[in-house]
Amino acid sequence: MTLDFSLFSRGGPMMYVILLMAVIGVVLFVERTLFLHRGQIRSTAFVDGVRNILAKRRLIEAMTVCEETPGPVAAVVKAALLHANADEVRLRYAVQEAALVEIPVLERRLGFIAALAQIAPLVGILGTLLGMITTFMQFMEGGQYATANALATGMWQALICAAGSLMVGIPAQLAYHFLSGRVRALVRDVEWAANDIMRYLLTEYRATA
């Protein structure tokens, strides 16, 4: 079967809502995927590189490397370096504050994708109900002589809306879980990098000062 515009139009007005939701979902998924991919770095190698620079007492160079590296890991490490000579309480507070700024940026728009996954089937149900209403109206207007073609209009609308909503809702749900997994991985990297650089600054770095 060829899925052309005539088949789409048989789904009724709610199909345009479903189409709009599909376009928004694709745009958000691509944007979030590219953003999270850009922020994903090899945190172990990055922190080791920063520690090697700090071992040579080149604090400014280490901060420059953090500024040139994208992602939340580099931002949190930079916050720690800015307070490298502060006491432990101030150092931990600075790192936690930086993490509180970076993590919401990672989670931005994920809630909207989750909402699309939940709302799309509801829109499909609404379209299905409208199609059934159309079917019964055609049946009542036709009385005992209602044609199959007249009744099929409402059935087409009901079935196409139901299928279209699931074609949007299921990928949106998968996209949400995929992106959530990427965010959790980045958050773990941030936590590990923060603890590792703080431990280094409070022990080895200050011991060689």
N, C-alpha and C. Protein backbone atom coordinates (compact mmCIF):
# COMPACT_ATOMS: atom_id res chain seq x y z
N MET A 1 0.85 -1.19 0.00
CA MET A 1 0.00 0.00 0.00
C MET A 1 0.89 1.25 0.00
N THR A 2 0.55 2.18 -0.84
CA THR A 2 1.30 3.42 -0.92
C THR A 2 0.73 4.43 0.07
N LEU A 3 1.59 4.92 0.98
CA LEU A 3 1.15 5.88 1.98
C LEU A 3 1.26 7.28 1.39
N ASP A 4 0.23 7.72 0.69
CA ASP A 4 0.24 9.04 0.09
C ASP A 4 -0.57 10.01 0.94
N PHE A 5 -0.68 11.24 0.46
CA PHE A 5 -1.38 12.26 1.24
C PHE A 5 -2.86 11.98 1.33
N SER A 6 -3.43 11.31 0.34
CA SER A 6 -4.86 11.01 0.39
C SER A 6 -5.18 10.09 1.57
N LEU A 7 -4.29 9.14 1.83
CA LEU A 7 -4.48 8.27 2.98
C LEU A 7 -4.33 9.05 4.28
N PHE A 8 -3.36 9.96 4.30
CA PHE A 8 -3.17 10.79 5.47
C PHE A 8 -4.41 11.65 5.75
N SER A 9 -4.97 12.23 4.70
CA SER A 9 -6.13 13.11 4.87
C SER A 9 -7.36 12.36 5.35
N ARG A 10 -7.42 11.07 5.10
CA ARG A 10 -8.57 10.29 5.59
C ARG A 10 -8.58 10.18 7.11
N GLY A 11 -7.46 10.47 7.73
CA GLY A 11 -7.40 10.39 9.18
C GLY A 11 -8.08 11.54 9.89
N GLY A 12 -8.52 12.53 9.15
CA GLY A 12 -9.24 13.63 9.77
C GLY A 12 -8.32 14.71 10.30
N PRO A 13 -8.89 15.71 10.93
CA PRO A 13 -8.09 16.87 11.38
C PRO A 13 -7.06 16.54 12.45
N MET A 14 -7.27 15.52 13.24
CA MET A 14 -6.32 15.20 14.30
C MET A 14 -4.99 14.68 13.74
N MET A 15 -5.00 14.27 12.47
CA MET A 15 -3.75 13.81 11.87
C MET A 15 -2.75 14.95 11.73
N TYR A 16 -3.24 16.16 11.55
CA TYR A 16 -2.34 17.31 11.46
C TYR A 16 -1.69 17.59 12.82
N VAL A 17 -2.43 17.35 13.88
CA VAL A 17 -1.86 17.49 15.22
C VAL A 17 -0.78 16.44 15.44
N ILE A 18 -1.07 15.22 15.03
CA ILE A 18 -0.11 14.13 15.16
C ILE A 18 1.13 14.40 14.33
N LEU A 19 0.94 14.93 13.12
CA LEU A 19 2.08 15.27 12.26
C LEU A 19 2.94 16.34 12.90
N LEU A 20 2.31 17.37 13.47
CA LEU A 20 3.06 18.42 14.14
C LEU A 20 3.86 17.86 15.32
N MET A 21 3.25 16.97 16.08
CA MET A 21 3.95 16.35 17.20
C MET A 21 5.13 15.52 16.72
N ALA A 22 4.97 14.85 15.58
CA ALA A 22 6.06 14.04 15.04
C ALA A 22 7.23 14.92 14.62
N VAL A 23 6.94 16.05 13.98
CA VAL A 23 8.01 16.95 13.54
C VAL A 23 8.75 17.52 14.74
N ILE A 24 7.99 17.96 15.74
CA ILE A 24 8.62 18.51 16.95
C ILE A 24 9.48 17.45 17.64
N GLY A 25 8.97 16.23 17.72
CA GLY A 25 9.72 15.16 18.36
C GLY A 25 11.02 14.86 17.65
N VAL A 26 11.00 14.83 16.31
CA VAL A 26 12.23 14.57 15.55
C VAL A 26 13.25 15.68 15.76
N VAL A 27 12.78 16.92 15.71
CA VAL A 27 13.69 18.06 15.89
C VAL A 27 14.34 18.03 17.28
N LEU A 28 13.53 17.78 18.31
CA LEU A 28 14.07 17.74 19.67
C LEU A 28 15.04 16.58 19.85
N PHE A 29 14.71 15.43 19.27
CA PHE A 29 15.59 14.27 19.42
C PHE A 29 16.94 14.52 18.75
N VAL A 30 16.92 15.06 17.54
CA VAL A 30 18.19 15.34 16.85
C VAL A 30 19.01 16.37 17.60
N GLU A 31 18.35 17.44 18.07
CA GLU A 31 19.06 18.49 18.81
C GLU A 31 19.68 17.96 20.09
N ARG A 32 18.92 17.17 20.86
CA ARG A 32 19.43 16.63 22.12
C ARG A 32 20.54 15.60 21.87
N THR A 33 20.39 14.79 20.83
CA THR A 33 21.41 13.79 20.54
C THR A 33 22.73 14.45 20.18
N LEU A 34 22.68 15.49 19.35
CA LEU A 34 23.90 16.20 18.98
C LEU A 34 24.51 16.92 20.18
N PHE A 35 23.66 17.51 21.01
CA PHE A 35 24.15 18.22 22.18
C PHE A 35 24.84 17.28 23.16
N LEU A 36 24.21 16.15 23.44
CA LEU A 36 24.80 15.20 24.39
C LEU A 36 26.05 14.54 23.81
N HIS A 37 26.04 14.33 22.50
CA HIS A 37 27.24 13.75 21.88
C HIS A 37 28.42 14.71 21.97
N ARG A 38 28.13 15.99 21.82
CA ARG A 38 29.20 16.99 21.92
C ARG A 38 29.76 17.05 23.34
N GLY A 39 28.90 16.84 24.34
CA GLY A 39 29.35 16.90 25.72
C GLY A 39 29.97 15.62 26.23
N GLN A 40 29.92 14.55 25.42
CA GLN A 40 30.47 13.26 25.85
C GLN A 40 31.96 13.21 25.53
N ILE A 41 32.79 13.17 26.54
CA ILE A 41 34.22 13.06 26.34
C ILE A 41 34.75 11.87 27.14
N ARG A 42 35.98 11.52 26.89
CA ARG A 42 36.62 10.46 27.66
C ARG A 42 37.09 11.08 28.97
N SER A 43 36.22 10.99 29.96
CA SER A 43 36.48 11.71 31.22
C SER A 43 37.75 11.23 31.91
N THR A 44 38.04 9.95 31.85
CA THR A 44 39.25 9.43 32.50
C THR A 44 40.50 10.03 31.88
N ALA A 45 40.56 10.01 30.55
CA ALA A 45 41.72 10.57 29.87
C ALA A 45 41.82 12.08 30.10
N PHE A 46 40.66 12.74 30.12
CA PHE A 46 40.67 14.20 30.32
C PHE A 46 41.20 14.56 31.71
N VAL A 47 40.68 13.91 32.73
CA VAL A 47 41.12 14.21 34.09
C VAL A 47 42.59 13.85 34.28
N ASP A 48 43.01 12.75 33.70
CA ASP A 48 44.43 12.38 33.79
C ASP A 48 45.30 13.44 33.13
N GLY A 49 44.84 13.98 31.99
CA GLY A 49 45.60 15.02 31.33
C GLY A 49 45.69 16.29 32.17
N VAL A 50 44.59 16.65 32.81
CA VAL A 50 44.59 17.82 33.68
C VAL A 50 45.52 17.60 34.87
N ARG A 51 45.50 16.42 35.42
CA ARG A 51 46.38 16.13 36.56
C ARG A 51 47.85 16.19 36.16
N ASN A 52 48.16 15.73 34.96
CA ASN A 52 49.56 15.80 34.50
C ASN A 52 50.01 17.25 34.35
N ILE A 53 49.10 18.11 33.88
CA ILE A 53 49.45 19.53 33.76
C ILE A 53 49.63 20.15 35.14
N LEU A 54 48.74 19.80 36.07
CA LEU A 54 48.85 20.34 37.43
C LEU A 54 50.11 19.85 38.13
N ALA A 55 50.56 18.66 37.79
CA ALA A 55 51.79 18.14 38.41
C ALA A 55 52.99 19.01 38.05
N LYS A 56 52.87 19.74 36.92
CA LYS A 56 53.94 20.66 36.52
C LYS A 56 53.68 22.07 37.03
N ARG A 57 52.66 22.20 37.90
CA ARG A 57 52.31 23.49 38.50
C ARG A 57 51.84 24.50 37.47
N ARG A 58 51.17 24.04 36.43
CA ARG A 58 50.66 24.92 35.38
C ARG A 58 49.14 25.02 35.51
N LEU A 59 48.70 25.74 36.52
CA LEU A 59 47.28 25.84 36.82
C LEU A 59 46.52 26.58 35.71
N ILE A 60 47.09 27.66 35.21
CA ILE A 60 46.43 28.44 34.16
C ILE A 60 46.26 27.60 32.90
N GLU A 61 47.27 26.84 32.55
CA GLU A 61 47.19 25.99 31.37
C GLU A 61 46.09 24.94 31.55
N ALA A 62 45.98 24.38 32.74
CA ALA A 62 44.94 23.39 33.01
C ALA A 62 43.55 24.00 32.86
N MET A 63 43.37 25.23 33.35
CA MET A 63 42.08 25.89 33.20
C MET A 63 41.79 26.21 31.74
N THR A 64 42.81 26.54 30.98
CA THR A 64 42.63 26.80 29.55
C THR A 64 42.16 25.54 28.82
N VAL A 65 42.73 24.42 29.19
CA VAL A 65 42.30 23.15 28.59
C VAL A 65 40.82 22.89 28.91
N CYS A 66 40.41 23.19 30.13
CA CYS A 66 39.01 23.01 30.51
C CYS A 66 38.09 23.93 29.71
N GLU A 67 38.53 25.16 29.49
CA GLU A 67 37.72 26.11 28.73
C GLU A 67 37.57 25.68 27.28
N GLU A 68 38.59 25.06 26.72
CA GLU A 68 38.55 24.64 25.33
C GLU A 68 37.84 23.30 25.13
N THR A 69 37.55 22.61 26.21
CA THR A 69 36.89 21.30 26.12
C THR A 69 35.40 21.46 26.40
N PRO A 70 34.53 21.03 25.49
CA PRO A 70 33.09 21.17 25.74
C PRO A 70 32.59 20.11 26.71
N GLY A 71 31.43 20.38 27.28
CA GLY A 71 30.78 19.39 28.12
C GLY A 71 30.80 19.72 29.59
N PRO A 72 29.94 19.08 30.37
CA PRO A 72 29.83 19.35 31.80
C PRO A 72 31.03 18.90 32.61
N VAL A 73 31.72 17.86 32.18
CA VAL A 73 32.88 17.37 32.93
C VAL A 73 33.95 18.45 33.00
N ALA A 74 34.23 19.06 31.85
CA ALA A 74 35.24 20.10 31.82
C ALA A 74 34.81 21.31 32.65
N ALA A 75 33.53 21.64 32.64
CA ALA A 75 33.04 22.79 33.41
C ALA A 75 33.19 22.56 34.91
N VAL A 76 32.91 21.35 35.36
CA VAL A 76 33.03 21.04 36.78
C VAL A 76 34.50 21.00 37.20
N VAL A 77 35.34 20.44 36.38
CA VAL A 77 36.77 20.41 36.69
C VAL A 77 37.33 21.84 36.74
N LYS A 78 36.89 22.69 35.82
CA LYS A 78 37.34 24.08 35.84
C LYS A 78 36.93 24.78 37.13
N ALA A 79 35.69 24.52 37.59
CA ALA A 79 35.24 25.11 38.85
C ALA A 79 36.13 24.69 40.01
N ALA A 80 36.56 23.43 39.98
CA ALA A 80 37.47 22.96 41.03
C ALA A 80 38.83 23.66 40.94
N LEU A 81 39.32 23.85 39.72
CA LEU A 81 40.63 24.48 39.55
C LEU A 81 40.60 25.94 39.97
N LEU A 82 39.46 26.61 39.77
CA LEU A 82 39.35 28.00 40.18
C LEU A 82 39.46 28.16 41.69
N HIS A 83 39.18 27.08 42.41
CA HIS A 83 39.25 27.11 43.87
C HIS A 83 40.30 26.11 44.36
N ALA A 84 41.34 25.96 43.57
CA ALA A 84 42.36 24.95 43.90
C ALA A 84 43.04 25.21 45.23
N ASN A 85 43.16 26.47 45.61
CA ASN A 85 43.85 26.81 46.86
C ASN A 85 42.89 27.14 48.00
N ALA A 86 41.60 26.94 47.77
CA ALA A 86 40.61 27.21 48.82
C ALA A 86 40.55 26.04 49.79
N ASP A 87 39.87 26.26 50.92
CA ASP A 87 39.71 25.16 51.87
C ASP A 87 38.73 24.13 51.32
N GLU A 88 38.70 22.98 51.98
CA GLU A 88 37.91 21.86 51.46
C GLU A 88 36.44 22.20 51.34
N VAL A 89 35.88 22.92 52.29
CA VAL A 89 34.45 23.25 52.25
C VAL A 89 34.13 24.12 51.06
N ARG A 90 34.92 25.16 50.83
CA ARG A 90 34.67 26.05 49.70
C ARG A 90 34.88 25.33 48.37
N LEU A 91 35.87 24.45 48.34
CA LEU A 91 36.12 23.68 47.12
C LEU A 91 34.94 22.80 46.77
N ARG A 92 34.43 22.08 47.76
CA ARG A 92 33.29 21.20 47.50
C ARG A 92 32.05 22.00 47.13
N TYR A 93 31.86 23.12 47.77
CA TYR A 93 30.71 23.96 47.45
C TYR A 93 30.78 24.47 46.01
N ALA A 94 31.96 24.88 45.57
CA ALA A 94 32.12 25.37 44.20
C ALA A 94 31.85 24.28 43.17
N VAL A 95 32.34 23.08 43.45
CA VAL A 95 32.12 21.97 42.52
C VAL A 95 30.65 21.58 42.48
N GLN A 96 30.01 21.52 43.64
CA GLN A 96 28.58 21.20 43.67
C GLN A 96 27.75 22.25 42.97
N GLU A 97 28.11 23.50 43.13
CA GLU A 97 27.38 24.59 42.46
C GLU A 97 27.51 24.47 40.94
N ALA A 98 28.72 24.15 40.47
CA ALA A 98 28.92 23.97 39.03
C ALA A 98 28.12 22.80 38.49
N ALA A 99 28.07 21.72 39.26
CA ALA A 99 27.29 20.55 38.85
C ALA A 99 25.80 20.86 38.79
N LEU A 100 25.32 21.66 39.75
CA LEU A 100 23.91 22.04 39.76
C LEU A 100 23.55 22.91 38.56
N VAL A 101 24.53 23.60 38.01
CA VAL A 101 24.28 24.40 36.82
C VAL A 101 24.29 23.53 35.57
N GLU A 102 25.20 22.57 35.50
CA GLU A 102 25.40 21.78 34.29
C GLU A 102 24.36 20.68 34.11
N ILE A 103 23.96 20.02 35.18
CA ILE A 103 23.05 18.87 35.04
C ILE A 103 21.68 19.26 34.49
N PRO A 104 21.05 20.35 34.94
CA PRO A 104 19.77 20.73 34.32
C PRO A 104 19.89 21.03 32.83
N VAL A 105 21.04 21.49 32.39
CA VAL A 105 21.25 21.74 30.96
C VAL A 105 21.20 20.42 30.19
N LEU A 106 21.74 19.37 30.78
CA LEU A 106 21.70 18.06 30.13
C LEU A 106 20.27 17.53 30.03
N GLU A 107 19.47 17.80 31.04
CA GLU A 107 18.10 17.27 31.10
C GLU A 107 17.09 18.14 30.38
N ARG A 108 17.54 19.26 29.83
CA ARG A 108 16.62 20.19 29.17
C ARG A 108 15.91 19.51 27.99
N ARG A 109 14.61 19.74 27.88
CA ARG A 109 13.73 19.27 26.80
C ARG A 109 13.42 17.78 26.85
N LEU A 110 14.04 17.03 27.76
CA LEU A 110 13.68 15.61 27.86
C LEU A 110 12.25 15.44 28.34
N GLY A 111 11.82 16.33 29.23
CA GLY A 111 10.44 16.26 29.72
C GLY A 111 9.43 16.48 28.60
N PHE A 112 9.79 17.33 27.64
CA PHE A 112 8.87 17.58 26.53
C PHE A 112 8.76 16.35 25.63
N ILE A 113 9.87 15.65 25.43
CA ILE A 113 9.83 14.42 24.64
C ILE A 113 9.00 13.36 25.35
N ALA A 114 9.14 13.27 26.68
CA ALA A 114 8.31 12.33 27.45
C ALA A 114 6.84 12.70 27.35
N ALA A 115 6.55 14.00 27.36
CA ALA A 115 5.16 14.44 27.23
C ALA A 115 4.59 14.07 25.87
N LEU A 116 5.40 14.19 24.82
CA LEU A 116 4.95 13.79 23.49
C LEU A 116 4.60 12.30 23.45
N ALA A 117 5.45 11.50 24.10
CA ALA A 117 5.20 10.06 24.12
C ALA A 117 3.91 9.72 24.84
N GLN A 118 3.54 10.50 25.84
CA GLN A 118 2.32 10.24 26.60
C GLN A 118 1.08 10.83 25.93
N ILE A 119 1.25 12.00 25.30
CA ILE A 119 0.10 12.69 24.74
C ILE A 119 -0.30 12.13 23.38
N ALA A 120 0.67 11.66 22.58
CA ALA A 120 0.36 11.17 21.24
C ALA A 120 -0.72 10.09 21.22
N PRO A 121 -0.65 9.05 22.08
CA PRO A 121 -1.74 8.07 22.09
C PRO A 121 -3.08 8.68 22.49
N LEU A 122 -3.07 9.68 23.37
CA LEU A 122 -4.32 10.32 23.76
C LEU A 122 -4.93 11.08 22.59
N VAL A 123 -4.08 11.73 21.81
CA VAL A 123 -4.56 12.41 20.60
C VAL A 123 -5.14 11.38 19.63
N GLY A 124 -4.48 10.23 19.54
CA GLY A 124 -5.00 9.17 18.68
C GLY A 124 -6.36 8.66 19.15
N ILE A 125 -6.51 8.52 20.46
CA ILE A 125 -7.81 8.10 20.99
C ILE A 125 -8.89 9.12 20.67
N LEU A 126 -8.53 10.42 20.79
CA LEU A 126 -9.49 11.46 20.44
C LEU A 126 -9.88 11.37 18.96
N GLY A 127 -8.89 11.18 18.10
CA GLY A 127 -9.19 11.02 16.68
C GLY A 127 -10.04 9.79 16.40
N THR A 128 -9.77 8.71 17.14
CA THR A 128 -10.57 7.50 16.99
C THR A 128 -12.02 7.74 17.39
N LEU A 129 -12.22 8.44 18.49
CA LEU A 129 -13.58 8.74 18.93
C LEU A 129 -14.30 9.63 17.94
N LEU A 130 -13.58 10.61 17.40
CA LEU A 130 -14.20 11.47 16.39
C LEU A 130 -14.58 10.66 15.15
N GLY A 131 -13.74 9.71 14.78
CA GLY A 131 -14.07 8.85 13.64
C GLY A 131 -15.29 7.99 13.91
N MET A 132 -15.40 7.44 15.11
CA MET A 132 -16.58 6.64 15.44
C MET A 132 -17.84 7.50 15.48
N ILE A 133 -17.71 8.74 15.97
CA ILE A 133 -18.85 9.65 15.97
C ILE A 133 -19.30 9.90 14.54
N THR A 134 -18.32 10.12 13.65
CA THR A 134 -18.66 10.33 12.24
C THR A 134 -19.37 9.12 11.66
N THR A 135 -18.91 7.94 12.02
CA THR A 135 -19.53 6.71 11.52
C THR A 135 -20.99 6.61 11.95
N PHE A 136 -21.26 6.85 13.22
CA PHE A 136 -22.63 6.75 13.72
C PHE A 136 -23.52 7.86 13.15
N MET A 137 -22.93 9.04 12.92
CA MET A 137 -23.72 10.10 12.31
C MET A 137 -24.11 9.73 10.88
N GLN A 138 -23.17 9.14 10.14
CA GLN A 138 -23.48 8.70 8.78
C GLN A 138 -24.54 7.60 8.79
N PHE A 139 -24.44 6.74 9.78
CA PHE A 139 -25.41 5.64 9.86
C PHE A 139 -26.81 6.18 10.17
N MET A 140 -26.89 7.14 11.07
CA MET A 140 -28.19 7.71 11.42
C MET A 140 -28.78 8.52 10.28
N GLU A 141 -27.95 9.25 9.56
CA GLU A 141 -28.45 10.04 8.44
C GLU A 141 -28.90 9.16 7.29
N GLY A 142 -28.24 8.03 7.13
CA GLY A 142 -28.62 7.15 6.03
C GLY A 142 -29.77 6.22 6.36
N GLY A 143 -30.11 6.13 7.64
CA GLY A 143 -31.20 5.24 8.05
C GLY A 143 -30.89 3.79 7.69
N GLN A 144 -31.85 3.12 7.11
CA GLN A 144 -31.66 1.72 6.75
C GLN A 144 -30.88 1.56 5.45
N TYR A 145 -30.59 2.69 4.77
CA TYR A 145 -29.93 2.61 3.47
C TYR A 145 -28.54 3.24 3.51
N ALA A 146 -27.92 3.28 4.70
CA ALA A 146 -26.56 3.82 4.80
C ALA A 146 -25.59 2.95 4.02
N THR A 147 -24.81 3.58 3.14
CA THR A 147 -23.89 2.83 2.30
C THR A 147 -22.60 2.50 3.04
N ALA A 148 -21.95 1.46 2.57
CA ALA A 148 -20.68 1.07 3.18
C ALA A 148 -19.62 2.15 2.99
N ASN A 149 -19.68 2.85 1.85
CA ASN A 149 -18.71 3.91 1.59
C ASN A 149 -18.86 5.05 2.59
N ALA A 150 -20.11 5.39 2.93
CA ALA A 150 -20.35 6.47 3.89
C ALA A 150 -19.86 6.07 5.28
N LEU A 151 -20.10 4.83 5.64
CA LEU A 151 -19.67 4.36 6.96
C LEU A 151 -18.16 4.20 7.03
N ALA A 152 -17.53 3.90 5.89
CA ALA A 152 -16.08 3.67 5.89
C ALA A 152 -15.30 4.95 6.17
N THR A 153 -15.90 6.11 5.89
CA THR A 153 -15.19 7.38 6.13
C THR A 153 -14.80 7.51 7.60
N GLY A 154 -15.76 7.28 8.47
CA GLY A 154 -15.47 7.37 9.90
C GLY A 154 -14.53 6.29 10.38
N MET A 155 -14.66 5.09 9.82
CA MET A 155 -13.78 4.00 10.23
C MET A 155 -12.34 4.26 9.79
N TRP A 156 -12.17 4.81 8.59
CA TRP A 156 -10.83 5.19 8.14
C TRP A 156 -10.21 6.18 9.12
N GLN A 157 -10.99 7.19 9.48
CA GLN A 157 -10.49 8.22 10.39
C GLN A 157 -10.07 7.62 11.73
N ALA A 158 -10.89 6.72 12.26
CA ALA A 158 -10.60 6.10 13.55
C ALA A 158 -9.33 5.26 13.49
N LEU A 159 -9.20 4.43 12.47
CA LEU A 159 -8.06 3.52 12.39
C LEU A 159 -6.76 4.25 12.07
N ILE A 160 -6.82 5.21 11.14
CA ILE A 160 -5.61 5.92 10.76
C ILE A 160 -5.10 6.78 11.92
N CYS A 161 -6.00 7.42 12.65
CA CYS A 161 -5.58 8.22 13.81
C CYS A 161 -4.93 7.34 14.87
N ALA A 162 -5.51 6.19 15.12
CA ALA A 162 -4.94 5.28 16.12
C ALA A 162 -3.54 4.83 15.70
N ALA A 163 -3.39 4.44 14.43
CA ALA A 163 -2.09 4.00 13.94
C ALA A 163 -1.08 5.13 13.95
N GLY A 164 -1.50 6.31 13.50
CA GLY A 164 -0.59 7.45 13.45
C GLY A 164 -0.09 7.86 14.82
N SER A 165 -0.97 7.84 15.80
CA SER A 165 -0.56 8.23 17.15
C SER A 165 0.46 7.26 17.73
N LEU A 166 0.27 5.97 17.46
CA LEU A 166 1.23 4.99 17.95
C LEU A 166 2.57 5.10 17.22
N MET A 167 2.52 5.48 15.96
CA MET A 167 3.76 5.66 15.20
C MET A 167 4.56 6.85 15.70
N VAL A 168 3.92 7.75 16.43
CA VAL A 168 4.62 8.87 17.05
C VAL A 168 4.98 8.55 18.50
N GLY A 169 4.02 7.98 19.23
CA GLY A 169 4.21 7.74 20.65
C GLY A 169 5.29 6.72 20.97
N ILE A 170 5.35 5.62 20.20
CA ILE A 170 6.33 4.57 20.48
C ILE A 170 7.76 5.06 20.24
N PRO A 171 8.08 5.66 19.09
CA PRO A 171 9.45 6.19 18.92
C PRO A 171 9.79 7.28 19.93
N ALA A 172 8.80 8.10 20.29
CA ALA A 172 9.08 9.16 21.28
C ALA A 172 9.44 8.55 22.63
N GLN A 173 8.77 7.48 23.01
CA GLN A 173 9.09 6.82 24.27
C GLN A 173 10.49 6.21 24.23
N LEU A 174 10.83 5.58 23.10
CA LEU A 174 12.17 5.02 22.95
C LEU A 174 13.23 6.11 22.96
N ALA A 175 12.93 7.23 22.29
CA ALA A 175 13.87 8.35 22.26
C ALA A 175 14.11 8.90 23.66
N TYR A 176 13.06 9.00 24.44
CA TYR A 176 13.19 9.51 25.81
C TYR A 176 14.10 8.62 26.65
N HIS A 177 13.89 7.30 26.57
CA HIS A 177 14.72 6.39 27.36
C HIS A 177 16.17 6.39 26.86
N PHE A 178 16.35 6.50 25.56
CA PHE A 178 17.70 6.56 25.00
C PHE A 178 18.44 7.80 25.51
N LEU A 179 17.79 8.95 25.42
CA LEU A 179 18.42 10.20 25.85
C LEU A 179 18.62 10.23 27.36
N SER A 180 17.67 9.66 28.11
CA SER A 180 17.82 9.60 29.56
C SER A 180 19.04 8.77 29.95
N GLY A 181 19.27 7.69 29.22
CA GLY A 181 20.46 6.87 29.46
C GLY A 181 21.74 7.64 29.20
N ARG A 182 21.74 8.43 28.13
CA ARG A 182 22.91 9.25 27.83
C ARG A 182 23.15 10.29 28.93
N VAL A 183 22.08 10.88 29.42
CA VAL A 183 22.20 11.88 30.49
C VAL A 183 22.74 11.24 31.76
N ARG A 184 22.22 10.06 32.11
CA ARG A 184 22.71 9.38 33.31
C ARG A 184 24.19 9.06 33.20
N ALA A 185 24.64 8.66 32.00
CA ALA A 185 26.06 8.38 31.81
C ALA A 185 26.90 9.63 31.99
N LEU A 186 26.42 10.76 31.48
CA LEU A 186 27.16 12.01 31.64
C LEU A 186 27.18 12.46 33.10
N VAL A 187 26.07 12.26 33.81
CA VAL A 187 26.03 12.63 35.22
C VAL A 187 27.02 11.79 36.02
N ARG A 188 27.12 10.51 35.72
CA ARG A 188 28.10 9.66 36.40
C ARG A 188 29.53 10.14 36.12
N ASP A 189 29.78 10.54 34.87
CA ASP A 189 31.11 11.06 34.54
C ASP A 189 31.40 12.34 35.31
N VAL A 190 30.41 13.20 35.44
CA VAL A 190 30.58 14.45 36.18
C VAL A 190 30.91 14.16 37.65
N GLU A 191 30.16 13.25 38.24
CA GLU A 191 30.38 12.92 39.65
C GLU A 191 31.76 12.31 39.86
N TRP A 192 32.15 11.40 38.97
CA TRP A 192 33.47 10.79 39.11
C TRP A 192 34.58 11.82 38.94
N ALA A 193 34.47 12.66 37.90
CA ALA A 193 35.51 13.65 37.64
C ALA A 193 35.61 14.65 38.79
N ALA A 194 34.47 15.05 39.34
CA ALA A 194 34.47 16.00 40.45
C ALA A 194 35.18 15.42 41.66
N ASN A 195 34.84 14.18 42.01
CA ASN A 195 35.47 13.55 43.17
C ASN A 195 36.96 13.32 42.95
N ASP A 196 37.33 12.93 41.74
CA ASP A 196 38.73 12.63 41.47
C ASP A 196 39.58 13.89 41.51
N ILE A 197 39.11 14.98 40.88
CA ILE A 197 39.91 16.19 40.86
C ILE A 197 39.97 16.84 42.24
N MET A 198 38.89 16.75 43.02
CA MET A 198 38.94 17.29 44.37
C MET A 198 39.91 16.51 45.24
N ARG A 199 39.90 15.20 45.11
CA ARG A 199 40.82 14.39 45.89
C ARG A 199 42.27 14.71 45.53
N TYR A 200 42.51 14.93 44.25
CA TYR A 200 43.87 15.26 43.82
C TYR A 200 44.30 16.63 44.35
N LEU A 201 43.40 17.61 44.26
CA LEU A 201 43.75 18.96 44.71
C LEU A 201 43.99 19.01 46.22
N LEU A 202 43.21 18.23 46.96
CA LEU A 202 43.32 18.28 48.42
C LEU A 202 44.49 17.46 48.95
N THR A 203 45.04 16.58 48.15
CA THR A 203 46.13 15.72 48.62
C THR A 203 47.43 15.95 47.84
N GLU A 204 47.53 15.39 46.67
CA GLU A 204 48.79 15.42 45.91
C GLU A 204 49.18 16.84 45.49
N TYR A 205 48.22 17.62 45.00
CA TYR A 205 48.55 18.95 44.49
C TYR A 205 49.09 19.85 45.60
N ARG A 206 48.42 19.83 46.73
CA ARG A 206 48.85 20.69 47.84
C ARG A 206 50.08 20.15 48.53
N ALA A 207 50.29 18.85 48.44
CA ALA A 207 51.47 18.26 49.07
C ALA A 207 52.76 18.69 48.36
N THR A 208 52.65 18.96 47.06
CA THR A 208 53.82 19.35 46.29
C THR A 208 53.95 20.87 46.17
N ALA A 209 53.08 21.60 46.86
CA ALA A 209 53.11 23.06 46.74
C ALA A 209 54.36 23.62 47.43
